[in-house]
Amino acid sequence: MTTPRSRGAGPSSPWDGEFARYFGERAHSLRATAFLLCGDWHHAEDITQAALLKLYLAWPRLSRRDALDAYARKVVLRTFLAERRRPWRRRERLTDGPPEVAAEQRGGEPDPLVRQALAAVAPKQRAVLVLRFWNDLSVEETASVLGCSTGTVKSQCARGLATLRARLGPHYGSLTFADSGAETR
């Protein structure tokens, strides 16, 4: 990914340095979240780029710098959900298996079988699962990011986990995202 100022487009704004620092520290994490939502590294890159552009445009108006990570995750999530609503995006791509992932992209991602099963979960349920178990957010934090009630988060989480368990079969028993360190709560 390129930073907004790396192309030399016009004079820089007073907040460019601060945004560039944030970009450098968080872009990889946001991209990993986008990947878990969509299941494709190239699409995750597009989602992250669009989300970071929106974040850059809103940067001067953001007064609570302590809540940037939560806001950035919310922008990534909403960008993903908005893309899923577009008619041209609804066409499913048929493949024999999950896409190959370069070795440098594998760090900290769930088992490929879990990733493939996650792709079969409905987008909003997948968003809840990724926020809860990959980003290790509480039910309340997840509800805040999604703009819904805690009851909705709990029900979507239960349905999403049921779908994952059904897709993965009994050999996975107690489903956990082992690489993220979070367990089913």
Protein backbone atom coordinates (compact mmCIF):
# COMPACT_ATOMS: atom_id res chain seq x y z
CA MET A 1 0.00 0.00 0.00
CA THR A 2 1.12 3.50 -0.62
CA THR A 3 0.62 6.36 1.77
CA PRO A 4 -1.47 9.34 0.61
CA ARG A 5 1.58 11.55 0.21
CA SER A 6 3.92 8.99 -1.37
CA ARG A 7 2.79 9.98 -4.87
CA GLY A 8 3.81 13.61 -4.45
CA ALA A 9 0.30 14.96 -5.03
CA GLY A 10 0.27 18.64 -4.08
CA PRO A 11 1.21 20.35 -0.84
CA SER A 12 0.93 18.39 2.36
CA SER A 13 -1.56 19.21 5.08
CA PRO A 14 -0.63 19.79 8.74
CA TRP A 15 -1.90 16.37 9.81
CA ASP A 16 -0.10 14.32 7.11
CA GLY A 17 2.75 13.29 9.39
CA GLU A 18 0.41 12.14 12.12
CA PHE A 19 -1.75 10.21 9.64
CA ALA A 20 1.32 8.67 7.96
CA ARG A 21 2.53 7.43 11.35
CA TYR A 22 -0.88 5.92 12.12
CA PHE A 23 -1.01 4.40 8.62
CA GLY A 24 2.39 2.77 9.08
CA GLU A 25 1.46 1.33 12.46
CA ARG A 26 -2.05 0.08 11.69
CA ALA A 27 -2.44 -0.62 7.95
CA HIS A 28 -1.30 -4.25 8.26
CA SER A 29 -3.72 -4.97 11.12
CA LEU A 30 -6.62 -3.34 9.27
CA ARG A 31 -5.76 -5.31 6.16
CA ALA A 32 -5.75 -8.56 8.15
CA THR A 33 -9.20 -7.71 9.50
CA ALA A 34 -10.43 -6.95 5.97
CA PHE A 35 -8.95 -10.26 4.77
CA LEU A 36 -10.85 -12.20 7.41
CA LEU A 37 -14.03 -10.44 6.36
CA CYS A 38 -13.68 -11.02 2.62
CA GLY A 39 -11.28 -13.99 2.29
CA ASP A 40 -9.21 -12.50 -0.54
CA TRP A 41 -5.95 -10.57 -0.05
CA HIS A 42 -6.48 -8.39 -3.14
CA HIS A 43 -10.02 -7.48 -2.13
CA ALA A 44 -8.80 -6.89 1.45
CA GLU A 45 -6.23 -4.47 0.03
CA ASP A 46 -9.00 -2.61 -1.82
CA ILE A 47 -11.19 -2.46 1.27
CA THR A 48 -8.29 -1.23 3.40
CA GLN A 49 -7.29 1.41 0.84
CA ALA A 50 -10.87 2.71 0.64
CA ALA A 51 -11.22 2.71 4.43
CA LEU A 52 -7.91 4.51 4.95
CA LEU A 53 -8.89 7.10 2.36
CA LYS A 54 -12.12 7.74 4.26
CA LEU A 55 -10.13 7.93 7.49
CA TYR A 56 -7.67 10.38 5.92
CA LEU A 57 -10.49 12.62 4.75
CA ALA A 58 -12.06 12.57 8.23
CA TRP A 59 -8.73 12.96 10.05
CA PRO A 60 -8.94 16.72 10.76
CA ARG A 61 -12.39 16.27 12.32
CA LEU A 62 -11.41 13.38 14.59
CA SER A 63 -11.06 14.79 18.07
CA ARG A 64 -10.66 11.55 20.06
CA ARG A 65 -7.31 10.18 18.98
CA ASP A 66 -7.55 7.51 21.71
CA ALA A 67 -10.45 5.85 19.84
CA LEU A 68 -8.82 5.77 16.39
CA ASP A 69 -8.40 2.00 16.25
CA ALA A 70 -12.07 1.37 16.99
CA TYR A 71 -13.10 4.01 14.44
CA ALA A 72 -10.75 2.59 11.78
CA ARG A 73 -12.10 -0.94 12.33
CA LYS A 74 -15.63 0.43 12.01
CA VAL A 75 -14.71 2.11 8.70
CA VAL A 76 -13.16 -1.14 7.39
CA LEU A 77 -16.22 -3.10 8.44
CA ARG A 78 -18.69 -0.66 6.92
CA THR A 79 -16.66 -0.51 3.70
CA PHE A 80 -16.81 -4.32 3.51
CA LEU A 81 -20.55 -4.43 4.19
CA ALA A 82 -21.23 -1.64 1.66
CA GLU A 83 -19.30 -3.58 -1.00
CA ARG A 84 -21.33 -6.71 -0.26
CA ARG A 85 -24.52 -4.77 -1.02
CA ARG A 86 -23.38 -3.83 -4.52
CA PRO A 87 -25.05 -6.00 -7.17
CA TRP A 88 -21.86 -6.76 -9.11
CA ARG A 89 -20.24 -8.05 -5.90
CA ARG A 90 -23.01 -10.59 -5.27
CA ARG A 91 -21.76 -12.94 -7.94
CA GLU A 92 -19.86 -15.68 -6.15
CA ARG A 93 -16.56 -16.79 -7.59
CA LEU A 94 -16.25 -20.55 -7.86
CA THR A 95 -12.85 -22.00 -7.05
CA ASP A 96 -11.48 -25.41 -6.19
CA GLY A 97 -10.09 -24.18 -2.89
CA PRO A 98 -8.89 -21.19 -0.96
CA PRO A 99 -6.45 -18.84 -2.70
CA GLU A 100 -2.75 -19.36 -2.19
CA VAL A 101 -1.30 -16.98 0.36
CA ALA A 102 2.29 -15.78 0.30
CA ALA A 103 4.39 -16.78 3.32
CA GLU A 104 4.70 -13.19 4.58
CA GLN A 105 0.90 -12.87 4.68
CA ARG A 106 0.34 -15.96 6.81
CA GLY A 107 1.49 -14.53 10.12
CA GLY A 108 -1.29 -14.56 12.67
CA GLU A 109 -4.13 -15.75 10.47
CA PRO A 110 -6.42 -18.64 11.33
CA ASP A 111 -6.15 -22.14 9.97
CA PRO A 112 -6.98 -22.29 6.22
CA LEU A 113 -9.93 -24.61 6.92
CA VAL A 114 -11.35 -22.11 9.41
CA ARG A 115 -10.76 -19.32 6.90
CA GLN A 116 -12.57 -21.24 4.16
CA ALA A 117 -15.49 -22.06 6.50
CA LEU A 118 -15.60 -18.40 7.60
CA ALA A 119 -16.19 -17.42 3.97
CA ALA A 120 -19.45 -19.44 4.08
CA VAL A 121 -20.81 -17.42 7.00
CA ALA A 122 -23.20 -14.55 6.25
CA PRO A 123 -21.37 -11.17 6.06
CA LYS A 124 -22.83 -9.64 9.25
CA GLN A 125 -22.23 -12.83 11.22
CA ARG A 126 -18.70 -12.96 9.82
CA ALA A 127 -18.18 -9.34 10.90
CA VAL A 128 -19.26 -10.22 14.45
CA LEU A 129 -16.95 -13.26 14.54
CA VAL A 130 -13.97 -11.34 13.21
CA LEU A 131 -14.48 -8.45 15.65
CA ARG A 132 -15.11 -10.75 18.63
CA PHE A 133 -12.48 -13.41 18.10
CA TRP A 134 -9.85 -11.96 15.77
CA ASN A 135 -9.83 -8.39 17.12
CA ASP A 136 -10.68 -9.67 20.63
CA LEU A 137 -13.43 -7.13 21.25
CA SER A 138 -16.02 -7.59 23.98
CA VAL A 139 -19.71 -7.99 23.16
CA GLU A 140 -20.28 -4.34 24.09
CA GLU A 141 -17.36 -3.09 21.97
CA THR A 142 -18.53 -5.17 19.01
CA ALA A 143 -22.06 -3.80 19.38
CA SER A 144 -20.64 -0.27 19.41
CA VAL A 145 -18.61 -0.85 16.24
CA LEU A 146 -21.57 -2.41 14.44
CA GLY A 147 -24.09 0.08 15.77
CA CYS A 148 -26.41 -2.60 17.12
CA SER A 149 -27.51 -4.05 20.45
CA THR A 150 -25.49 -6.52 22.51
CA GLY A 151 -28.31 -9.04 22.01
CA THR A 152 -27.84 -8.81 18.24
CA VAL A 153 -24.10 -9.39 18.64
CA LYS A 154 -24.74 -12.45 20.82
CA SER A 155 -27.31 -13.96 18.45
CA GLN A 156 -25.22 -13.26 15.32
CA CYS A 157 -22.19 -14.73 17.08
CA ALA A 158 -24.09 -17.88 18.07
CA ARG A 159 -25.45 -18.34 14.55
CA GLY A 160 -22.07 -17.69 12.97
CA LEU A 161 -20.32 -20.16 15.28
CA ALA A 162 -23.02 -22.75 14.57
CA THR A 163 -22.42 -22.31 10.83
CA LEU A 164 -18.66 -22.63 11.32
CA ARG A 165 -19.04 -25.76 13.45
CA ALA A 166 -21.37 -27.30 10.86
CA ARG A 167 -18.91 -26.51 8.04
CA LEU A 168 -15.85 -27.74 9.94
CA GLY A 169 -17.38 -30.91 11.35
CA PRO A 170 -16.89 -32.67 14.66
CA HIS A 171 -13.08 -32.90 14.42
CA TYR A 172 -12.84 -29.22 15.36
CA GLY A 173 -14.91 -29.75 18.54
CA SER A 174 -14.51 -26.54 20.51
CA LEU A 175 -13.95 -23.93 17.84
CA THR A 176 -11.27 -21.37 18.65
CA PHE A 177 -9.22 -18.92 16.68
CA ALA A 178 -6.00 -20.34 18.08
CA ASP A 179 -3.68 -17.95 16.24
CA SER A 180 -5.45 -14.88 17.62
CA GLY A 181 -5.37 -16.12 21.19
CA ALA A 182 -9.12 -15.61 21.66
CA GLU A 183 -11.45 -18.42 22.64
CA THR A 184 -15.17 -18.81 22.22
CA ARG A 185 -16.85 -16.81 24.96
